[in-house]
Amino acid sequence: MTEKPIGKITSYFSKVEVAAIDLTDDLKVGDKIHIKGNTTDFEQVVKSMQIDRVDVEEAGDGDSVGIKVKDKVRQGDIVYKG
């Protein structure tokens, strides 16, 4: 199965290790994502997700979500789901 882009990193909060992602497709807790950029390249499972500091199980096109990430990400990195 090929990965498809589902969003883009808009910001990263290093103190809490949270990435803000503008979604262009569906994302659910439990999905495996791949974040890739010039110096970013890792995969992880989405363990929790928030919209406006409220926990959600899923989000979709047009939503801006925050997820905890295991490594530093940068603005403009692309988020894939595979």
N, C-alpha and C. Protein backbone atom coordinates (compact mmCIF):
# COMPACT_ATOMS: atom_id res chain seq x y z
N MET A 1 0.85 -1.19 0.00
CA MET A 1 0.00 0.00 0.00
C MET A 1 0.89 1.24 0.00
N THR A 2 0.61 2.16 -0.88
CA THR A 2 1.43 3.37 -0.95
C THR A 2 0.93 4.40 0.04
N GLU A 3 1.86 5.21 0.51
CA GLU A 3 1.49 6.27 1.44
C GLU A 3 0.88 7.43 0.67
N LYS A 4 -0.08 8.08 1.30
CA LYS A 4 -0.64 9.26 0.65
C LYS A 4 -0.55 10.44 1.62
N PRO A 5 -0.27 11.63 1.09
CA PRO A 5 -0.16 12.80 1.96
C PRO A 5 -1.52 13.16 2.53
N ILE A 6 -1.57 13.42 3.84
CA ILE A 6 -2.84 13.76 4.48
C ILE A 6 -2.76 15.10 5.20
N GLY A 7 -1.60 15.76 5.16
CA GLY A 7 -1.52 17.04 5.85
C GLY A 7 -0.11 17.59 5.88
N LYS A 8 -0.01 18.78 6.49
CA LYS A 8 1.27 19.48 6.55
C LYS A 8 1.46 20.05 7.95
N ILE A 9 2.70 19.97 8.44
CA ILE A 9 3.03 20.55 9.75
C ILE A 9 2.98 22.07 9.64
N THR A 10 2.24 22.70 10.56
CA THR A 10 2.20 24.17 10.57
C THR A 10 3.04 24.75 11.70
N SER A 11 3.21 23.98 12.79
CA SER A 11 4.09 24.43 13.87
C SER A 11 4.45 23.26 14.78
N TYR A 12 5.48 23.49 15.60
CA TYR A 12 5.96 22.47 16.52
C TYR A 12 6.22 23.12 17.87
N PHE A 13 5.71 22.51 18.92
CA PHE A 13 5.87 23.03 20.28
C PHE A 13 6.81 22.11 21.03
N SER A 14 8.09 22.51 21.11
CA SER A 14 9.13 21.62 21.62
C SER A 14 8.95 21.28 23.09
N LYS A 15 8.42 22.20 23.90
CA LYS A 15 8.28 21.92 25.34
C LYS A 15 7.34 20.75 25.60
N VAL A 16 6.29 20.63 24.79
CA VAL A 16 5.32 19.54 24.99
C VAL A 16 5.41 18.48 23.89
N GLU A 17 6.36 18.69 22.93
CA GLU A 17 6.57 17.75 21.82
C GLU A 17 5.29 17.48 21.05
N VAL A 18 4.61 18.56 20.70
CA VAL A 18 3.35 18.46 19.96
C VAL A 18 3.51 19.16 18.61
N ALA A 19 2.99 18.50 17.57
CA ALA A 19 2.99 19.07 16.23
C ALA A 19 1.58 19.50 15.88
N ALA A 20 1.46 20.69 15.28
CA ALA A 20 0.17 21.14 14.75
C ALA A 20 0.14 20.78 13.27
N ILE A 21 -0.93 20.12 12.86
CA ILE A 21 -1.05 19.63 11.48
C ILE A 21 -2.35 20.13 10.87
N ASP A 22 -2.25 20.75 9.69
CA ASP A 22 -3.43 21.08 8.89
C ASP A 22 -3.73 19.88 8.02
N LEU A 23 -4.89 19.26 8.24
CA LEU A 23 -5.24 18.04 7.52
C LEU A 23 -5.92 18.31 6.19
N THR A 24 -5.62 17.45 5.21
CA THR A 24 -6.30 17.47 3.92
C THR A 24 -7.05 16.16 3.70
N ASP A 25 -7.02 15.28 4.71
CA ASP A 25 -7.70 13.99 4.62
C ASP A 25 -7.97 13.49 6.04
N ASP A 26 -8.62 12.34 6.15
CA ASP A 26 -8.99 11.81 7.46
C ASP A 26 -7.79 11.28 8.24
N LEU A 27 -7.85 11.43 9.56
CA LEU A 27 -6.85 10.88 10.47
C LEU A 27 -7.56 10.44 11.74
N LYS A 28 -7.21 9.23 12.21
CA LYS A 28 -7.82 8.69 13.42
C LYS A 28 -6.75 8.28 14.41
N VAL A 29 -7.11 8.27 15.69
CA VAL A 29 -6.23 7.71 16.71
C VAL A 29 -6.02 6.24 16.37
N GLY A 30 -4.77 5.80 16.40
CA GLY A 30 -4.44 4.43 16.03
C GLY A 30 -3.85 4.31 14.63
N ASP A 31 -4.02 5.37 13.81
CA ASP A 31 -3.43 5.36 12.47
C ASP A 31 -1.91 5.47 12.56
N LYS A 32 -1.24 4.82 11.61
CA LYS A 32 0.21 4.95 11.50
C LYS A 32 0.51 6.07 10.51
N ILE A 33 1.35 7.02 10.94
CA ILE A 33 1.70 8.13 10.06
C ILE A 33 3.20 8.16 9.82
N HIS A 34 3.58 8.83 8.76
CA HIS A 34 4.99 9.00 8.38
C HIS A 34 5.17 10.50 8.15
N ILE A 35 6.08 11.11 8.92
CA ILE A 35 6.34 12.54 8.77
C ILE A 35 7.68 12.70 8.07
N LYS A 36 7.66 13.43 6.96
CA LYS A 36 8.85 13.54 6.13
C LYS A 36 9.08 14.98 5.70
N GLY A 37 10.33 15.40 5.79
CA GLY A 37 10.73 16.73 5.34
C GLY A 37 12.20 16.71 4.98
N ASN A 38 12.81 17.88 4.86
CA ASN A 38 14.24 17.96 4.50
C ASN A 38 15.12 17.21 5.49
N THR A 39 14.84 17.37 6.79
CA THR A 39 15.66 16.72 7.81
C THR A 39 14.81 15.85 8.74
N THR A 40 13.56 15.67 8.41
CA THR A 40 12.64 14.87 9.22
C THR A 40 12.27 13.62 8.45
N ASP A 41 12.26 12.46 9.14
CA ASP A 41 11.83 11.23 8.49
C ASP A 41 11.61 10.16 9.55
N PHE A 42 10.38 10.01 10.02
CA PHE A 42 10.08 8.96 10.99
C PHE A 42 8.62 8.57 10.90
N GLU A 43 8.34 7.37 11.43
CA GLU A 43 6.97 6.86 11.48
C GLU A 43 6.55 6.70 12.92
N GLN A 44 5.27 6.84 13.18
CA GLN A 44 4.73 6.58 14.52
C GLN A 44 3.24 6.34 14.41
N VAL A 45 2.68 5.81 15.50
CA VAL A 45 1.24 5.61 15.59
C VAL A 45 0.66 6.80 16.36
N VAL A 46 -0.47 7.30 15.89
CA VAL A 46 -1.14 8.42 16.56
C VAL A 46 -1.79 7.88 17.84
N LYS A 47 -1.28 8.31 18.99
CA LYS A 47 -1.80 7.82 20.28
C LYS A 47 -2.91 8.71 20.82
N SER A 48 -2.83 10.01 20.50
CA SER A 48 -3.88 10.94 20.91
C SER A 48 -3.85 12.13 19.98
N MET A 49 -4.98 12.81 19.92
CA MET A 49 -5.12 13.92 18.99
C MET A 49 -6.07 14.94 19.61
N GLN A 50 -5.78 16.21 19.39
CA GLN A 50 -6.63 17.25 19.94
C GLN A 50 -6.97 18.30 18.89
N ILE A 51 -8.16 18.85 19.01
CA ILE A 51 -8.56 20.03 18.25
C ILE A 51 -8.93 21.08 19.30
N ASP A 52 -8.27 22.22 19.26
CA ASP A 52 -8.51 23.29 20.25
C ASP A 52 -8.44 22.75 21.68
N ARG A 53 -7.43 21.96 21.96
CA ARG A 53 -7.14 21.40 23.29
C ARG A 53 -8.22 20.44 23.81
N VAL A 54 -9.06 19.93 22.91
CA VAL A 54 -10.07 18.94 23.27
C VAL A 54 -9.72 17.63 22.58
N ASP A 55 -9.65 16.53 23.35
CA ASP A 55 -9.32 15.23 22.77
C ASP A 55 -10.38 14.80 21.77
N VAL A 56 -9.91 14.32 20.61
CA VAL A 56 -10.81 13.78 19.58
C VAL A 56 -10.26 12.44 19.12
N GLU A 57 -11.15 11.59 18.62
CA GLU A 57 -10.75 10.28 18.11
C GLU A 57 -10.42 10.33 16.62
N GLU A 58 -11.04 11.28 15.92
CA GLU A 58 -10.77 11.39 14.49
C GLU A 58 -10.99 12.83 14.03
N ALA A 59 -10.37 13.15 12.91
CA ALA A 59 -10.49 14.48 12.32
C ALA A 59 -10.39 14.33 10.81
N GLY A 60 -10.72 15.39 10.08
CA GLY A 60 -10.74 15.28 8.62
C GLY A 60 -10.25 16.53 7.92
N ASP A 61 -10.49 16.55 6.63
CA ASP A 61 -10.05 17.62 5.75
C ASP A 61 -10.49 18.98 6.31
N GLY A 62 -9.54 19.89 6.42
CA GLY A 62 -9.83 21.23 6.91
C GLY A 62 -9.61 21.41 8.40
N ASP A 63 -9.47 20.30 9.14
CA ASP A 63 -9.22 20.40 10.58
C ASP A 63 -7.74 20.67 10.84
N SER A 64 -7.49 21.39 11.91
CA SER A 64 -6.12 21.60 12.39
C SER A 64 -6.01 20.86 13.71
N VAL A 65 -5.13 19.86 13.77
CA VAL A 65 -5.03 19.01 14.97
C VAL A 65 -3.65 19.12 15.59
N GLY A 66 -3.59 18.79 16.86
CA GLY A 66 -2.32 18.68 17.55
C GLY A 66 -2.11 17.23 17.93
N ILE A 67 -0.91 16.70 17.62
CA ILE A 67 -0.59 15.34 18.07
C ILE A 67 0.80 15.34 18.69
N LYS A 68 0.95 14.47 19.69
CA LYS A 68 2.26 14.31 20.32
C LYS A 68 3.15 13.53 19.36
N VAL A 69 4.36 14.03 19.13
CA VAL A 69 5.29 13.36 18.22
C VAL A 69 6.53 12.92 18.96
N LYS A 70 7.16 11.84 18.46
CA LYS A 70 8.31 11.26 19.16
C LYS A 70 9.62 11.93 18.79
N ASP A 71 9.60 12.80 17.78
CA ASP A 71 10.82 13.46 17.34
C ASP A 71 10.45 14.88 16.89
N LYS A 72 11.46 15.72 16.74
CA LYS A 72 11.23 17.09 16.31
C LYS A 72 10.73 17.12 14.87
N VAL A 73 9.74 17.96 14.61
CA VAL A 73 9.26 18.18 13.25
C VAL A 73 9.40 19.66 12.93
N ARG A 74 9.30 19.98 11.65
CA ARG A 74 9.49 21.35 11.22
C ARG A 74 8.32 21.81 10.37
N GLN A 75 8.07 23.10 10.40
CA GLN A 75 7.00 23.69 9.59
C GLN A 75 7.22 23.32 8.12
N GLY A 76 6.16 22.86 7.48
CA GLY A 76 6.26 22.48 6.07
C GLY A 76 6.49 21.00 5.85
N ASP A 77 6.87 20.24 6.91
CA ASP A 77 7.01 18.79 6.76
C ASP A 77 5.65 18.21 6.36
N ILE A 78 5.70 17.16 5.54
CA ILE A 78 4.47 16.53 5.04
C ILE A 78 4.15 15.30 5.89
N VAL A 79 2.86 15.14 6.19
CA VAL A 79 2.40 13.99 6.96
C VAL A 79 1.72 13.02 6.01
N TYR A 80 2.18 11.77 6.03
CA TYR A 80 1.61 10.72 5.18
C TYR A 80 0.94 9.67 6.04
N LYS A 81 -0.06 8.99 5.47
CA LYS A 81 -0.67 7.85 6.12
C LYS A 81 -0.52 6.68 5.18
N GLY A 82 -0.07 5.52 5.71
CA GLY A 82 0.23 4.42 4.82
C GLY A 82 -0.46 3.14 5.13
